[in-house]
């Protein structure tokens, strides 16, 4: 009922003291802006679900020495044996990042991946055009290629008729069988920071020796199978392979890492520490604003006492002061969001190229919602104590003396000293 009048009065208070208001707004922006910017990074890199079908069932599979859990590549023979004997996987594939030359006289150098059929289909992402490789394609060593959307648009003009056509890759004709949808990428530890633009079938893998380790293994768990259960099963298979092939496998074991952990890894902890750090900056800014409001409150005691003498209760005065603080916090939050919008571009430019999904960092609707909640929390954090002190003004003594009572002054000074100590901490 009193919101609109309170907002109008709050706006007049802001306009009456523009220098003070600007100082508070900029102080809040300095705390809210970095917090919102770092949250946008945390959301895009860590919190967003991976862009695959049921990503919680995806796992990275590594070979390792028997003494640890090292991230060693697979040999094709070990992969084949584990795939045939394991009951835990819905799909299991290997891949090998390679560089390709696309074109004739002046070929374009591109990053791509040679894959078994499962290594491309297990992500659960359908091509925008055409199809993906089949097991038969790989077995027959067909010269086929699936294009990334970016390459299709840049080099082939986005022409759907390219599916079925032949294109020269490394001097050999490859038939285009499919085009992946926009934004599709496989986050592998071997291609971080690199744009993968095409996929071809893995050729001649059966001719590699068991001791030839050079493949990256990925798998999709069957529904209801945990990665720990799958790991226990394939470690048993690997132990049998140690006995069968002691010359190459006597010290070879395997282990599993959930794919999400492979993608974000230690980044979760790093970004959480970073957002805690900027959160502490926000707390310091809030303490600074609270100190400023307490100091300003000393000049408003007569005004508050007069309002009280005219019938405004403490609750009504407290509501008015909190509304004023919320208003100035919203202005500070808006300035903080503008700072975050500028900061996001800067952050994207300085992040290491191996940070996954950095292109998705933006101030979108969920980030704006976070900014609004943060702004309201900040308003309560810095505004409640000064408002309570001001609302407790002794009306009779203040009107008689024309200034704050000694008790109120002592209360305000104690709170100011406490806020100063909190900022130093």
Protein backbone atom coordinates (compact mmCIF):
# COMPACT_ATOMS: atom_id res chain seq x y z
CA UNK A 1 0.00 0.00 0.00
CA UNK A 2 2.83 2.40 0.90
CA UNK A 3 5.31 1.13 -1.70
CA UNK A 4 4.76 3.76 -4.38
CA UNK A 5 4.90 6.74 -1.99
CA UNK A 6 7.99 5.25 -0.36
CA UNK A 7 9.65 4.79 -3.75
CA UNK A 8 8.83 8.34 -4.73
CA UNK A 9 10.25 9.67 -1.48
CA UNK A 10 13.32 7.46 -1.92
CA UNK A 11 13.95 8.87 -5.39
CA UNK A 12 13.75 12.39 -4.02
CA UNK A 13 16.30 11.46 -1.33
CA UNK A 14 18.64 10.12 -4.00
CA UNK A 15 18.26 13.30 -6.06
CA UNK A 16 18.77 15.59 -3.05
CA UNK A 17 22.19 14.09 -2.33
CA UNK A 18 23.59 13.18 -5.77
CA UNK A 19 27.25 12.97 -4.71
CA UNK A 20 26.48 10.71 -1.76
CA UNK A 21 24.09 8.58 -3.85
CA UNK A 22 26.62 8.21 -6.66
CA UNK A 23 29.30 7.13 -4.18
CA UNK A 24 27.00 4.45 -2.75
CA UNK A 25 25.92 3.24 -6.21
CA UNK A 26 29.49 2.97 -7.48
CA UNK A 27 30.61 1.19 -4.30
CA UNK A 28 27.83 -1.37 -4.72
CA UNK A 29 28.58 -1.74 -8.43
CA UNK A 30 32.22 -2.50 -7.61
CA UNK A 31 31.04 -5.39 -5.42
CA UNK A 32 28.06 -6.68 -7.41
CA UNK A 33 29.59 -6.42 -10.92
CA UNK A 34 32.54 -8.79 -10.43
CA UNK A 35 30.36 -11.24 -8.50
CA UNK A 36 27.82 -11.39 -11.32
CA UNK A 37 30.58 -11.69 -13.95
CA UNK A 38 32.28 -14.59 -12.17
CA UNK A 39 28.92 -16.29 -11.61
CA UNK A 40 28.28 -16.10 -15.36
CA UNK A 41 31.60 -17.91 -15.90
CA UNK A 42 30.77 -20.51 -13.23
CA UNK A 43 27.35 -21.10 -14.78
CA UNK A 44 28.60 -21.53 -18.35
CA UNK A 45 31.66 -23.63 -17.61
CA UNK A 46 30.64 -25.69 -14.56
CA UNK A 47 26.91 -25.52 -13.77
CA UNK A 48 25.37 -25.89 -17.23
CA UNK A 49 24.57 -29.53 -18.12
CA UNK A 50 26.71 -31.02 -20.85
CA UNK A 51 25.00 -30.74 -24.28
CA UNK A 52 24.52 -34.46 -24.78
CA UNK A 53 21.76 -37.00 -24.22
CA UNK A 54 21.77 -38.14 -20.57
CA UNK A 55 25.33 -36.87 -20.01
CA UNK A 56 25.49 -38.48 -16.56
CA UNK A 57 25.94 -41.85 -18.32
CA UNK A 58 29.00 -40.74 -20.28
CA UNK A 59 32.44 -41.77 -19.03
CA UNK A 60 36.06 -41.43 -20.07
CA UNK A 61 38.00 -44.71 -19.97
CA UNK A 62 41.76 -44.66 -19.46
CA UNK A 63 44.49 -47.24 -19.39
CA UNK A 64 47.05 -46.86 -16.62
CA UNK A 65 50.03 -48.45 -14.95
CA UNK A 66 49.04 -50.89 -12.20
CA UNK A 67 50.57 -48.58 -9.56
CA UNK A 68 48.23 -45.62 -10.11
CA UNK A 69 45.41 -43.95 -12.02
CA UNK A 70 47.27 -42.34 -14.88
CA UNK A 71 45.58 -40.95 -17.97
CA UNK A 72 47.18 -43.21 -20.56
CA UNK A 73 45.71 -43.76 -24.05
CA UNK A 74 44.24 -47.09 -25.15
CA UNK A 75 45.54 -49.65 -27.57
CA UNK A 76 42.96 -50.78 -30.11
CA UNK A 77 43.39 -54.45 -29.19
CA UNK A 78 42.66 -53.74 -25.51
CA UNK A 79 39.66 -51.64 -26.47
CA UNK A 80 38.28 -54.40 -28.69
CA UNK A 81 38.67 -57.07 -25.99
CA UNK A 82 37.05 -54.94 -23.29
CA UNK A 83 34.19 -53.93 -25.59
CA UNK A 84 33.46 -57.56 -26.47
CA UNK A 85 33.66 -58.87 -22.90
CA UNK A 86 32.06 -56.04 -20.94
CA UNK A 87 28.35 -55.98 -20.05
CA UNK A 88 28.31 -52.48 -18.52
CA UNK A 89 28.37 -50.30 -21.63
CA UNK A 90 25.61 -49.38 -24.02
CA UNK A 91 28.27 -48.02 -26.38
CA UNK A 92 32.06 -47.97 -26.27
CA UNK A 93 34.30 -46.23 -28.80
CA UNK A 94 37.74 -44.84 -29.42
CA UNK A 95 38.92 -41.77 -31.28
CA UNK A 96 42.13 -40.19 -32.46
CA UNK A 97 42.52 -36.43 -33.08
CA UNK A 98 44.27 -35.71 -36.36
CA UNK A 99 45.06 -32.81 -38.66
CA UNK A 100 43.53 -32.92 -42.14
CA UNK A 101 44.05 -31.05 -45.40
CA UNK A 102 40.74 -30.12 -47.02
CA UNK A 103 40.79 -29.09 -50.67
CA UNK A 104 42.95 -29.37 -53.73
CA UNK A 105 45.62 -26.91 -54.90
CA UNK A 106 45.51 -24.73 -51.77
CA UNK A 107 44.14 -27.01 -49.04
CA UNK A 108 42.81 -25.73 -45.73
CA UNK A 109 44.45 -27.20 -42.64
CA UNK A 110 41.78 -28.42 -40.19
CA UNK A 111 41.58 -30.21 -36.87
CA UNK A 112 39.47 -33.35 -36.96
CA UNK A 113 38.96 -36.69 -35.24
CA UNK A 114 39.12 -40.24 -36.62
CA UNK A 115 36.50 -42.30 -34.78
CA UNK A 116 34.91 -45.70 -34.47
CA UNK A 117 31.17 -45.57 -35.05
CA UNK A 118 30.27 -45.62 -31.33
CA UNK A 119 32.65 -42.75 -30.61
CA UNK A 120 30.41 -40.45 -32.65
CA UNK A 121 26.96 -41.89 -31.93
CA UNK A 122 27.21 -42.39 -28.16
CA UNK A 123 26.76 -38.65 -27.50
CA UNK A 124 23.12 -38.98 -28.48
CA UNK A 125 23.24 -36.00 -30.86
CA UNK A 126 21.65 -36.51 -34.28
CA UNK A 127 23.18 -34.87 -37.36
CA UNK A 128 21.43 -31.85 -38.81
CA UNK A 129 21.81 -33.39 -42.26
CA UNK A 130 22.53 -36.92 -43.44
CA UNK A 131 23.75 -39.65 -41.11
CA UNK A 132 26.66 -40.77 -38.94
CA UNK A 133 29.08 -43.63 -39.52
CA UNK A 134 28.01 -47.21 -39.04
CA UNK A 135 30.08 -50.12 -37.73
CA UNK A 136 30.18 -51.44 -41.29
CA UNK A 137 31.64 -48.14 -42.55
CA UNK A 138 34.54 -48.48 -40.14
CA UNK A 139 35.04 -52.18 -40.84
CA UNK A 140 35.14 -51.53 -44.60
CA UNK A 141 37.47 -48.55 -44.12
CA UNK A 142 35.14 -46.36 -46.14
CA UNK A 143 36.43 -42.90 -47.03
CA UNK A 144 33.63 -40.88 -45.51
CA UNK A 145 33.43 -37.58 -43.65
CA UNK A 146 30.99 -35.82 -41.31
CA UNK A 147 31.29 -32.03 -41.28
CA UNK A 148 30.91 -29.60 -38.39
CA UNK A 149 28.30 -26.91 -38.94
CA UNK A 150 30.97 -24.16 -38.95
CA UNK A 151 32.95 -25.86 -41.73
CA UNK A 152 29.81 -26.64 -43.73
CA UNK A 153 28.77 -22.99 -43.68
CA UNK A 154 32.23 -21.52 -44.25
CA UNK A 155 33.58 -23.81 -46.97
CA UNK A 156 30.38 -25.14 -48.58
CA UNK A 157 28.08 -22.15 -48.23
CA UNK A 158 25.60 -24.07 -46.08
CA UNK A 159 24.43 -26.01 -49.14
CA UNK A 160 22.40 -29.13 -48.13
CA UNK A 161 23.30 -30.73 -51.45
CA UNK A 162 26.86 -31.28 -50.22
CA UNK A 163 25.64 -34.48 -48.50
CA UNK A 164 26.49 -37.28 -50.91
CA UNK A 165 29.16 -35.26 -52.70
CA UNK A 166 32.88 -36.09 -52.65
CA UNK A 167 35.45 -33.70 -51.22
CA UNK A 168 39.26 -34.04 -51.29
CA UNK A 169 40.77 -34.73 -47.85
CA UNK A 170 44.50 -35.45 -47.63
CA UNK A 171 44.51 -35.97 -51.36
CA UNK A 172 41.78 -38.66 -51.33
CA UNK A 173 38.10 -38.32 -52.22
CA UNK A 174 35.81 -38.62 -49.18
CA UNK A 175 32.03 -38.75 -49.43
CA UNK A 176 30.17 -36.32 -47.17
CA UNK A 177 27.56 -38.36 -45.30
CA UNK A 178 26.42 -35.89 -42.66
CA UNK A 179 26.58 -32.43 -41.08
CA UNK A 180 26.44 -31.98 -37.31
CA UNK A 181 24.12 -29.38 -35.73
CA UNK A 182 25.40 -25.93 -34.70
CA UNK A 183 27.34 -25.88 -31.46
CA UNK A 184 28.11 -29.60 -31.41
CA UNK A 185 31.55 -30.35 -30.01
CA UNK A 186 33.23 -33.24 -28.24
CA UNK A 187 35.03 -32.05 -25.14
CA UNK A 188 38.14 -34.23 -25.09
CA UNK A 189 41.34 -33.67 -23.10
CA UNK A 190 43.28 -33.85 -26.37
CA UNK A 191 41.37 -31.14 -28.25
CA UNK A 192 40.77 -28.52 -25.55
CA UNK A 193 40.96 -25.07 -27.01
CA UNK A 194 40.88 -26.42 -30.57
CA UNK A 195 37.98 -26.26 -32.99
CA UNK A 196 37.18 -29.73 -34.35
CA UNK A 197 35.57 -29.38 -37.78
CA UNK A 198 35.30 -32.87 -39.26
CA UNK A 199 35.17 -36.56 -38.39
CA UNK A 200 36.30 -39.55 -40.42
CA UNK A 201 36.16 -43.32 -39.74
CA UNK A 202 39.18 -44.70 -37.91
CA UNK A 203 41.15 -46.62 -40.54
CA UNK A 204 43.22 -49.80 -40.19
CA UNK A 205 42.95 -50.09 -36.40
CA UNK A 206 43.13 -53.90 -36.46
CA UNK A 207 46.62 -53.67 -37.95
CA UNK A 208 48.01 -51.84 -34.95
CA UNK A 209 49.90 -53.94 -32.43
CA UNK A 210 48.60 -54.47 -28.91
CA UNK A 211 51.43 -52.35 -27.63
CA UNK A 212 50.44 -49.38 -29.82
CA UNK A 213 48.76 -46.99 -27.37
CA UNK A 214 47.33 -43.91 -29.05
CA UNK A 215 43.55 -43.86 -28.75
CA UNK A 216 41.14 -41.98 -26.52
CA UNK A 217 38.34 -44.19 -25.19
CA UNK A 218 34.83 -42.99 -24.30
CA UNK A 219 31.73 -44.95 -23.35
CA UNK A 220 28.06 -44.68 -22.44
CA UNK A 221 26.93 -46.72 -19.44
CA UNK A 222 23.84 -48.87 -19.63
CA UNK A 223 20.86 -47.45 -17.67
CA UNK A 224 21.20 -48.23 -13.98
CA UNK A 225 24.90 -49.13 -14.15
CA UNK A 226 27.16 -46.94 -12.02
CA UNK A 227 30.61 -45.97 -13.23
CA UNK A 228 32.15 -47.66 -10.19
CA UNK A 229 30.47 -50.98 -11.07
CA UNK A 230 31.60 -50.62 -14.68
CA UNK A 231 35.13 -49.89 -13.54
CA UNK A 232 35.20 -52.97 -11.31
CA UNK A 233 34.08 -55.11 -14.26
CA UNK A 234 36.60 -53.82 -16.80
CA UNK A 235 39.44 -53.95 -14.28
CA UNK A 236 38.71 -57.65 -14.00
CA UNK A 237 38.91 -57.95 -17.78
CA UNK A 238 42.19 -56.01 -17.80
CA UNK A 239 43.60 -58.38 -15.17
CA UNK A 240 42.82 -61.33 -17.44
CA UNK A 241 44.53 -59.55 -20.32
CA UNK A 242 47.63 -59.17 -18.13
CA UNK A 243 47.81 -62.93 -17.90
CA UNK A 244 47.07 -63.53 -21.58
CA UNK A 245 49.47 -60.92 -22.95
CA UNK A 246 52.26 -60.45 -20.39
CA UNK A 247 54.64 -58.95 -22.97
CA UNK A 248 52.43 -55.86 -23.46
CA UNK A 249 49.88 -55.88 -20.62
CA UNK A 250 51.72 -57.11 -17.53
CA UNK A 251 51.54 -53.64 -15.96
CA UNK A 252 48.40 -52.34 -17.68
CA UNK A 253 45.17 -51.60 -15.84
CA UNK A 254 42.12 -49.46 -16.65
CA UNK A 255 39.99 -46.95 -14.81
CA UNK A 256 36.93 -44.78 -15.41
CA UNK A 257 36.27 -41.08 -14.90
CA UNK A 258 32.75 -39.60 -15.23
CA UNK A 259 32.80 -37.45 -18.33
CA UNK A 260 31.64 -34.34 -16.49
CA UNK A 261 34.65 -34.63 -14.18
CA UNK A 262 36.87 -34.99 -17.24
CA UNK A 263 35.44 -31.82 -18.81
CA UNK A 264 35.36 -29.46 -15.83
CA UNK A 265 37.87 -31.27 -13.60
CA UNK A 266 39.49 -28.94 -11.10
CA UNK A 267 37.77 -25.93 -12.68
CA UNK A 268 34.80 -26.39 -10.32
CA UNK A 269 36.97 -25.81 -7.27
CA UNK A 270 38.90 -22.97 -8.90
CA UNK A 271 35.81 -21.02 -9.94
CA UNK A 272 34.09 -21.64 -6.59
CA UNK A 273 37.13 -20.23 -4.82
CA UNK A 274 37.07 -17.27 -7.18
CA UNK A 275 33.39 -16.53 -6.58
CA UNK A 276 33.96 -16.74 -2.82
CA UNK A 277 36.79 -14.23 -3.25
CA UNK A 278 34.64 -11.72 -5.14
CA UNK A 279 31.86 -12.41 -2.62
CA UNK A 280 34.20 -11.19 0.11
CA UNK A 281 34.80 -8.04 -1.93
CA UNK A 282 31.02 -7.61 -2.06
CA UNK A 283 30.81 -8.01 1.72
CA UNK A 284 33.47 -5.34 2.16
CA UNK A 285 31.57 -3.03 -0.19
CA UNK A 286 28.36 -3.68 1.76
CA UNK A 287 30.11 -2.86 5.03
CA UNK A 288 31.41 0.34 3.47
CA UNK A 289 27.93 1.33 2.30
CA UNK A 290 26.48 0.53 5.72
CA UNK A 291 29.07 2.84 7.28
CA UNK A 292 28.10 5.59 4.85
CA UNK A 293 24.40 5.14 5.62
CA UNK A 294 25.06 5.21 9.37
CA UNK A 295 27.02 8.43 8.98
CA UNK A 296 24.24 9.94 6.88
CA UNK A 297 21.70 8.81 9.46
CA UNK A 298 23.18 11.25 11.95
CA UNK A 299 21.90 14.09 9.76
CA UNK A 300 18.39 12.62 9.41
CA UNK A 301 17.49 12.14 13.06
CA UNK A 302 15.50 15.36 13.25
CA UNK A 303 13.57 14.43 10.09
CA UNK A 304 12.80 10.98 11.49
CA UNK A 305 11.80 12.41 14.86
CA UNK A 306 9.37 14.84 13.19
CA UNK A 307 7.81 12.01 11.19
CA UNK A 308 7.46 10.03 14.39
CA UNK A 309 5.83 12.93 16.17
CA UNK A 310 3.29 13.14 13.35
CA UNK A 311 2.19 9.56 14.00
CA UNK A 312 4.55 7.38 11.99
CA UNK A 313 5.36 4.27 14.03
CA UNK A 314 8.78 2.65 14.12
CA UNK A 315 7.62 -0.06 11.76
CA UNK A 316 6.47 2.53 9.22
CA UNK A 317 9.75 4.45 9.49
CA UNK A 318 11.75 1.23 9.19
CA UNK A 319 9.77 0.26 6.09
CA UNK A 320 10.50 3.65 4.51
CA UNK A 321 14.21 3.43 5.23
CA UNK A 322 14.46 -0.14 3.92
CA UNK A 323 12.64 0.89 0.75
CA UNK A 324 15.14 3.71 0.25
CA UNK A 325 18.02 1.29 0.76
CA UNK A 326 16.47 -1.24 -1.63
CA UNK A 327 16.06 1.47 -4.25
CA UNK A 328 19.67 2.58 -4.03
CA UNK A 329 20.73 -1.07 -4.04
CA UNK A 330 18.76 -1.65 -7.25
CA UNK A 331 20.55 1.29 -8.84
CA UNK A 332 23.86 -0.14 -7.67
CA UNK A 333 22.84 -3.57 -8.96
CA UNK A 334 21.95 -2.12 -12.38
CA UNK A 335 25.35 -0.43 -12.52
CA UNK A 336 26.92 -3.73 -11.45
CA UNK A 337 25.18 -5.60 -14.27
CA UNK A 338 26.50 -3.05 -16.77
CA UNK A 339 29.98 -3.61 -15.34
CA UNK A 340 29.47 -7.38 -15.61
CA UNK A 341 28.38 -7.07 -19.26
CA UNK A 342 31.62 -5.28 -20.02
CA UNK A 343 33.66 -7.67 -17.86
CA UNK A 344 32.33 -10.83 -19.55
CA UNK A 345 33.94 -9.95 -22.89
CA UNK A 346 37.19 -9.21 -21.11
CA UNK A 347 37.05 -12.48 -19.14
CA UNK A 348 36.42 -14.50 -22.31
CA UNK A 349 39.46 -12.89 -23.90
CA UNK A 350 41.84 -13.76 -21.04
CA UNK A 351 40.66 -17.28 -20.22
CA UNK A 352 43.09 -20.02 -21.32
CA UNK A 353 41.93 -21.68 -24.56
CA UNK A 354 41.64 -25.08 -22.83
CA UNK A 355 38.81 -23.84 -20.58
CA UNK A 356 35.75 -25.66 -22.00
CA UNK A 357 32.54 -23.92 -23.06
CA UNK A 358 34.03 -20.44 -22.59
CA UNK A 359 32.11 -19.27 -25.69
CA UNK A 360 28.88 -19.77 -23.70
CA UNK A 361 29.78 -17.19 -21.05
CA UNK A 362 27.13 -14.46 -21.13
CA UNK A 363 24.87 -12.42 -18.91
CA UNK A 364 21.62 -14.24 -19.71
CA UNK A 365 18.28 -14.53 -17.91
CA UNK A 366 19.48 -16.89 -15.13
CA UNK A 367 22.48 -14.64 -14.48
CA UNK A 368 20.20 -11.59 -14.33
CA UNK A 369 17.97 -13.45 -11.87
CA UNK A 370 21.05 -14.18 -9.76
CA UNK A 371 21.99 -10.48 -9.97
CA UNK A 372 18.52 -9.46 -8.75
CA UNK A 373 18.61 -11.87 -5.79
CA UNK A 374 22.15 -10.73 -4.97
CA UNK A 375 21.07 -7.10 -5.12
CA UNK A 376 18.15 -7.65 -2.73
CA UNK A 377 20.37 -9.63 -0.37
CA UNK A 378 22.91 -6.82 -0.48
CA UNK A 379 20.19 -4.26 0.28
CA UNK A 380 19.18 -6.23 3.35
CA UNK A 381 22.80 -6.81 4.33
CA UNK A 382 23.91 -3.19 4.33
CA UNK A 383 20.57 -1.51 4.93
CA UNK A 384 19.01 -3.29 7.90
CA UNK A 385 21.38 -2.16 10.66
CA UNK A 386 21.43 1.56 9.70
CA UNK A 387 17.64 1.51 9.29
CA UNK A 388 17.17 -0.08 12.73
CA UNK A 389 19.45 2.51 14.36
CA UNK A 390 17.62 5.36 12.65
CA UNK A 391 14.16 3.94 13.46
CA UNK A 392 15.03 3.84 17.16
CA UNK A 393 15.55 7.60 17.32
CA UNK A 394 14.30 9.06 20.61
CA UNK A 395 11.64 11.48 19.38
CA UNK A 396 11.31 13.65 22.50
CA UNK A 397 15.03 14.04 23.15
CA UNK A 398 15.84 14.67 19.52
CA UNK A 399 13.19 17.35 19.10
CA UNK A 400 14.24 18.98 22.38
CA UNK A 401 17.93 19.08 21.51
CA UNK A 402 17.64 19.25 17.73
CA UNK A 403 20.18 16.46 17.43
CA UNK A 404 20.71 12.79 18.18
CA UNK A 405 20.77 11.65 21.77
CA UNK A 406 24.02 10.50 23.34
CA UNK A 407 22.70 6.93 23.48
CA UNK A 408 21.95 6.85 19.76
CA UNK A 409 25.32 8.40 18.98
CA UNK A 410 27.12 5.79 21.06
CA UNK A 411 25.12 3.02 19.35
CA UNK A 412 25.99 4.40 15.94
CA UNK A 413 29.67 4.78 16.78
CA UNK A 414 29.90 1.21 18.06
CA UNK A 415 28.36 -0.06 14.87
CA UNK A 416 30.71 2.05 12.74
CA UNK A 417 33.73 0.64 14.57
CA UNK A 418 32.39 -2.89 14.06
CA UNK A 419 31.88 -2.31 10.33
CA UNK A 420 35.40 -0.87 10.01
CA UNK A 421 36.80 -3.98 11.68
CA UNK A 422 34.75 -6.20 9.34
CA UNK A 423 36.12 -4.41 6.25
CA UNK A 424 39.73 -4.82 7.46
CA UNK A 425 39.07 -8.53 8.11
